[in-house]
């Protein structure tokens, strides 16, 4: 099954698809974070978050496609200007719909994204989200040949690495 990534920034249809999937994403996060209430669920907050995704020039909303059909989304973001000397990109959000999981779609999509946005990366997961921590460790171990750094700070796991395509994107 061919996996691809599509820029969702200028597509109302893609924005609506992400908005429709976002409650499932938040539900996944809340279940995996031991129901701490960390993740907002109100429609107003969701609408505000989506507006920021599509209005912020340092955000890159993406649709993950399998056989040309949407199955997930990702949000790549640029860090604040005071951190750009250390990190070029952050994986701010990453989601694959439940029916499309465990098929290699997320792994392939992540690799496509890393190659598309060349440079230094940071990925952060809530430490209690063991599934996400394991997922990203596995992907980064394969992608970098084990050449990534990891640290745990304030209950978050941070992985840092440089994408295989060594060009620096600005």
Protein backbone atom coordinates (compact mmCIF):
# COMPACT_ATOMS: atom_id res chain seq x y z
CA UNK A 1 0.00 0.00 0.00
CA UNK A 2 1.59 3.28 -1.08
CA UNK A 3 1.98 5.83 1.72
CA UNK A 4 2.27 9.53 0.96
CA UNK A 5 1.98 12.90 2.64
CA UNK A 6 -0.07 15.85 1.40
CA UNK A 7 0.24 19.46 2.52
CA UNK A 8 -3.12 20.31 4.13
CA UNK A 9 -2.48 24.03 4.54
CA UNK A 10 -4.53 25.28 1.60
CA UNK A 11 -7.16 22.55 1.45
CA UNK A 12 -10.49 23.11 3.16
CA UNK A 13 -11.33 19.43 2.61
CA UNK A 14 -8.14 18.31 4.40
CA UNK A 15 -8.72 20.78 7.23
CA UNK A 16 -12.22 19.40 7.72
CA UNK A 17 -10.89 15.84 7.71
CA UNK A 18 -8.34 16.71 10.41
CA UNK A 19 -11.02 18.46 12.46
CA UNK A 20 -13.26 15.41 12.21
CA UNK A 21 -10.43 13.11 13.41
CA UNK A 22 -9.17 15.40 16.15
CA UNK A 23 -11.62 14.21 18.85
CA UNK A 24 -10.41 10.61 18.33
CA UNK A 25 -6.83 11.83 18.63
CA UNK A 26 -7.59 13.64 21.89
CA UNK A 27 -9.43 10.58 23.20
CA UNK A 28 -6.36 8.45 22.46
CA UNK A 29 -4.12 10.93 24.27
CA UNK A 30 -6.37 11.15 27.31
CA UNK A 31 -6.60 7.35 27.61
CA UNK A 32 -2.85 6.91 27.27
CA UNK A 33 -2.04 9.68 29.74
CA UNK A 34 -3.81 7.97 32.61
CA UNK A 35 -6.81 10.32 32.32
CA UNK A 36 -4.97 13.24 33.86
CA UNK A 37 -7.12 15.80 32.08
CA UNK A 38 -4.03 17.22 30.41
CA UNK A 39 -5.61 17.19 26.97
CA UNK A 40 -8.44 19.65 26.18
CA UNK A 41 -11.69 18.31 24.81
CA UNK A 42 -14.00 21.28 24.32
CA UNK A 43 -15.06 22.19 20.79
CA UNK A 44 -14.00 25.82 21.36
CA UNK A 45 -10.45 24.82 22.25
CA UNK A 46 -10.30 22.39 19.32
CA UNK A 47 -11.46 25.12 16.93
CA UNK A 48 -8.85 27.51 18.34
CA UNK A 49 -6.09 24.91 17.95
CA UNK A 50 -7.08 24.18 14.36
CA UNK A 51 -7.16 27.89 13.55
CA UNK A 52 -3.60 28.21 14.84
CA UNK A 53 -2.43 25.20 12.85
CA UNK A 54 -3.64 26.75 9.61
CA UNK A 55 -2.74 30.38 10.32
CA UNK A 56 0.73 30.05 11.84
CA UNK A 57 3.51 30.39 9.27
CA UNK A 58 5.72 28.14 11.41
CA UNK A 59 3.23 25.23 11.24
CA UNK A 60 2.95 22.62 8.52
CA UNK A 61 -0.28 20.59 8.76
CA UNK A 62 -0.03 17.38 6.77
CA UNK A 63 -2.42 14.60 5.76
CA UNK A 64 -1.11 11.03 5.84
CA UNK A 65 -2.46 9.02 2.90
CA UNK A 66 -2.63 5.30 2.24
CA UNK A 67 -3.69 4.44 -1.30
CA UNK A 68 -4.54 8.13 -1.75
CA UNK A 69 -7.07 8.00 1.14
CA UNK A 70 -6.59 10.04 4.35
CA UNK A 71 -5.68 7.82 7.30
CA UNK A 72 -3.91 10.27 9.60
CA UNK A 73 -2.39 13.67 10.12
CA UNK A 74 0.77 15.29 11.37
CA UNK A 75 1.72 18.77 12.40
CA UNK A 76 5.34 19.75 11.89
CA UNK A 77 6.26 23.02 13.53
CA UNK A 78 9.24 25.30 13.75
CA UNK A 79 10.39 26.03 17.31
CA UNK A 80 10.38 29.54 18.72
CA UNK A 81 13.07 31.73 17.20
CA UNK A 82 15.21 31.55 20.36
CA UNK A 83 15.55 27.73 19.90
CA UNK A 84 16.13 27.60 16.14
CA UNK A 85 19.87 27.38 16.61
CA UNK A 86 19.32 23.98 18.27
CA UNK A 87 16.28 22.53 16.49
CA UNK A 88 14.83 23.10 13.04
CA UNK A 89 11.58 21.10 13.39
CA UNK A 90 9.30 19.53 15.97
CA UNK A 91 6.76 16.80 15.46
CA UNK A 92 4.01 18.72 17.22
CA UNK A 93 1.19 16.23 16.50
CA UNK A 94 1.04 12.82 14.86
CA UNK A 95 -1.99 10.59 14.48
CA UNK A 96 -2.98 7.51 12.50
CA UNK A 97 -6.64 6.42 12.70
CA UNK A 98 -7.23 3.24 14.70
CA UNK A 99 -8.26 1.11 11.69
CA UNK A 100 -4.97 1.98 9.94
CA UNK A 101 -2.59 1.22 12.80
CA UNK A 102 -0.06 -1.61 12.98
CA UNK A 103 0.26 -1.68 9.19
CA UNK A 104 3.51 0.31 8.90
CA UNK A 105 1.67 3.46 7.81
CA UNK A 106 2.88 5.60 10.72
CA UNK A 107 6.46 4.37 10.34
CA UNK A 108 6.52 5.10 6.59
CA UNK A 109 4.78 8.46 7.02
CA UNK A 110 7.28 9.55 9.70
CA UNK A 111 10.21 8.69 7.43
CA UNK A 112 8.68 10.61 4.52
CA UNK A 113 8.14 13.62 6.80
CA UNK A 114 11.70 13.51 8.18
CA UNK A 115 13.11 13.40 4.67
CA UNK A 116 10.85 16.20 3.46
CA UNK A 117 11.84 18.51 6.31
CA UNK A 118 15.59 18.10 6.44
CA UNK A 119 17.43 19.26 9.53
CA UNK A 120 17.55 18.80 13.26
CA UNK A 121 14.40 17.44 14.92
CA UNK A 122 12.77 17.10 18.31
CA UNK A 123 9.91 14.76 19.15
CA UNK A 124 8.25 14.93 22.55
CA UNK A 125 5.88 12.44 24.15
CA UNK A 126 4.16 12.40 27.51
CA UNK A 127 6.14 9.80 29.51
CA UNK A 128 2.96 7.96 30.56
CA UNK A 129 2.07 7.41 26.91
CA UNK A 130 4.11 4.21 26.69
CA UNK A 131 2.72 3.37 23.25
CA UNK A 132 3.94 6.66 21.77
CA UNK A 133 7.32 6.46 23.50
CA UNK A 134 7.86 2.93 22.17
CA UNK A 135 6.63 3.90 18.67
CA UNK A 136 9.02 6.85 18.35
CA UNK A 137 11.99 5.00 19.85
CA UNK A 138 11.52 2.19 17.34
CA UNK A 139 11.14 4.53 14.39
CA UNK A 140 14.10 6.68 15.37
CA UNK A 141 16.31 3.69 16.04
CA UNK A 142 15.60 2.40 12.52
CA UNK A 143 15.70 5.81 10.84
CA UNK A 144 18.93 7.04 12.47
CA UNK A 145 20.66 3.71 13.05
CA UNK A 146 20.44 4.45 16.77
CA UNK A 147 22.00 7.90 16.43
CA UNK A 148 19.48 9.95 18.35
CA UNK A 149 19.56 11.53 21.78
CA UNK A 150 16.88 11.07 24.39
CA UNK A 151 16.19 12.74 27.70
CA UNK A 152 13.27 12.86 30.12
CA UNK A 153 12.33 16.27 31.48
CA UNK A 154 9.28 17.07 33.62
CA UNK A 155 7.41 13.90 32.63
CA UNK A 156 8.14 14.26 28.92
CA UNK A 157 10.41 12.15 26.75
CA UNK A 158 12.39 14.25 24.26
CA UNK A 159 14.18 12.66 21.31
CA UNK A 160 16.53 14.71 19.15
CA UNK A 161 18.15 13.72 15.87
CA UNK A 162 19.09 14.97 12.43
CA UNK A 163 17.13 13.75 9.45
CA UNK A 164 18.96 11.47 7.02
CA UNK A 165 18.83 14.14 4.37
CA UNK A 166 21.53 16.31 5.89
CA UNK A 167 20.56 19.54 4.14
CA UNK A 168 19.32 22.19 6.52
CA UNK A 169 15.90 23.50 5.67
CA UNK A 170 15.02 27.04 6.63
